[in-house]
Amino acid sequence: MNKFDEIRIWAAARGIFDKGDVKTQTVKLMEEVGELSKAVIDNDATTFRAELTDAIGDCVVVLTNLSHLAGLKIEDCIDAAYEEIKDRQGAMVEGTFKKDEI
């Protein structure tokens, strides 16, 4: 059993899969991304690492639940994303990786 399985068991036990849906989890994801953004913007030296860890973890939990509610597995989504980017070429521009246009 991996962490994604544990998250799904946790979510099922709390009724997220029975009473939630893709829309509610998408709204929840936006809330968590907001917390992540706030942590990055505030960049408080005393709490930054803990807040960032918590916010990223929360996003992963919500994405795991969202994918399940959409009939997908987060592991498959991650694999598909990696397959798409693994051979991508590009360059860093102002702190962001910009892929080469084909």
Protein backbone atom coordinates (compact mmCIF):
# COMPACT_ATOMS: atom_id res chain seq x y z
CA MET A 1 0.00 0.00 0.00
CA ASN A 2 1.30 3.47 -0.88
CA LYS A 3 0.37 6.96 0.34
CA PHE A 4 -2.13 7.43 -2.49
CA ASP A 5 -3.94 4.26 -1.36
CA GLU A 6 -3.91 5.55 2.22
CA ILE A 7 -5.35 8.88 1.07
CA ARG A 8 -8.14 7.09 -0.82
CA ILE A 9 -8.98 4.98 2.24
CA TRP A 10 -8.98 8.10 4.41
CA ALA A 11 -11.24 9.97 1.96
CA ALA A 12 -13.66 7.06 1.59
CA ALA A 13 -13.98 6.75 5.37
CA ARG A 14 -14.91 10.43 5.58
CA GLY A 15 -17.54 10.31 2.85
CA ILE A 16 -15.60 12.40 0.35
CA PHE A 17 -16.23 9.88 -2.42
CA ASP A 18 -19.90 9.41 -1.51
CA LYS A 19 -20.83 13.04 -0.91
CA GLY A 20 -18.19 14.95 -2.87
CA ASP A 21 -17.83 15.43 -6.58
CA VAL A 22 -15.38 16.77 -9.13
CA LYS A 23 -16.72 20.33 -8.72
CA THR A 24 -16.41 20.40 -4.93
CA GLN A 25 -12.91 18.97 -5.07
CA THR A 26 -11.89 21.48 -7.74
CA VAL A 27 -13.07 24.31 -5.49
CA LYS A 28 -11.16 22.72 -2.60
CA LEU A 29 -8.06 22.52 -4.79
CA MET A 30 -8.31 26.24 -5.57
CA GLU A 31 -8.53 26.93 -1.82
CA GLU A 32 -5.39 24.89 -1.21
CA VAL A 33 -3.56 26.53 -4.12
CA GLY A 34 -4.49 29.87 -2.56
CA GLU A 35 -2.82 28.78 0.69
CA LEU A 36 0.22 27.65 -1.28
CA SER A 37 0.35 31.00 -3.08
CA LYS A 38 0.06 32.89 0.21
CA ALA A 39 2.94 30.90 1.70
CA VAL A 40 5.11 31.67 -1.33
CA ILE A 41 4.19 35.36 -1.39
CA ASP A 42 4.61 35.86 2.37
CA ASN A 43 7.90 33.91 2.36
CA ASP A 44 8.13 34.10 6.16
CA ALA A 45 11.56 32.73 7.04
CA THR A 46 10.31 31.17 10.28
CA THR A 47 7.30 29.34 8.81
CA PHE A 48 7.93 29.11 5.07
CA ARG A 49 9.13 25.50 4.89
CA ALA A 50 6.34 24.18 7.14
CA GLU A 51 3.63 26.17 5.35
CA LEU A 52 4.90 25.15 1.93
CA THR A 53 5.10 21.48 2.96
CA ASP A 54 1.55 21.60 4.34
CA ALA A 55 0.11 23.40 1.30
CA ILE A 56 1.77 21.13 -1.26
CA GLY A 57 0.68 18.07 0.70
CA ASP A 58 -2.89 19.36 0.88
CA CYS A 59 -2.90 19.92 -2.89
CA VAL A 60 -1.72 16.34 -3.48
CA VAL A 61 -4.46 14.98 -1.19
CA VAL A 62 -7.14 16.97 -3.00
CA LEU A 63 -5.76 15.98 -6.42
CA THR A 64 -5.84 12.34 -5.33
CA ASN A 65 -9.49 12.71 -4.33
CA LEU A 66 -10.38 14.69 -7.45
CA SER A 67 -8.83 12.11 -9.74
CA HIS A 68 -10.67 9.29 -7.94
CA LEU A 69 -14.00 11.10 -8.27
CA ALA A 70 -13.27 11.55 -11.99
CA GLY A 71 -12.69 7.80 -12.38
CA LEU A 72 -8.92 8.15 -12.63
CA LYS A 73 -5.96 7.21 -10.48
CA ILE A 74 -3.54 9.98 -9.56
CA GLU A 75 -0.67 7.59 -10.31
CA ASP A 76 -1.88 7.26 -13.91
CA CYS A 77 -2.23 11.04 -14.20
CA ILE A 78 1.33 11.50 -12.98
CA ASP A 79 2.60 8.82 -15.37
CA ALA A 80 0.79 10.45 -18.30
CA ALA A 81 2.19 13.87 -17.42
CA TYR A 82 5.71 12.50 -17.15
CA GLU A 83 5.40 10.71 -20.49
CA GLU A 84 4.41 14.03 -22.04
CA ILE A 85 7.31 16.00 -20.58
CA LYS A 86 10.16 13.48 -20.31
CA ASP A 87 11.75 14.33 -23.65
CA ARG A 88 10.71 17.98 -23.72
CA GLN A 89 13.39 20.47 -24.61
CA GLY A 90 13.48 24.14 -23.73
CA ALA A 91 15.19 26.71 -21.58
CA MET A 92 14.79 28.57 -18.33
CA VAL A 93 13.45 32.06 -18.94
CA GLU A 94 13.02 34.42 -15.98
CA GLY A 95 12.73 31.51 -13.56
CA THR A 96 10.28 29.44 -15.63
CA PHE A 97 11.00 26.51 -17.95
CA LYS A 98 9.72 27.40 -21.43
CA LYS A 99 9.35 24.43 -23.74
CA ASP A 100 10.57 24.63 -27.30
CA GLU A 101 7.75 25.02 -29.80
CA ILE A 102 7.64 22.32 -32.42
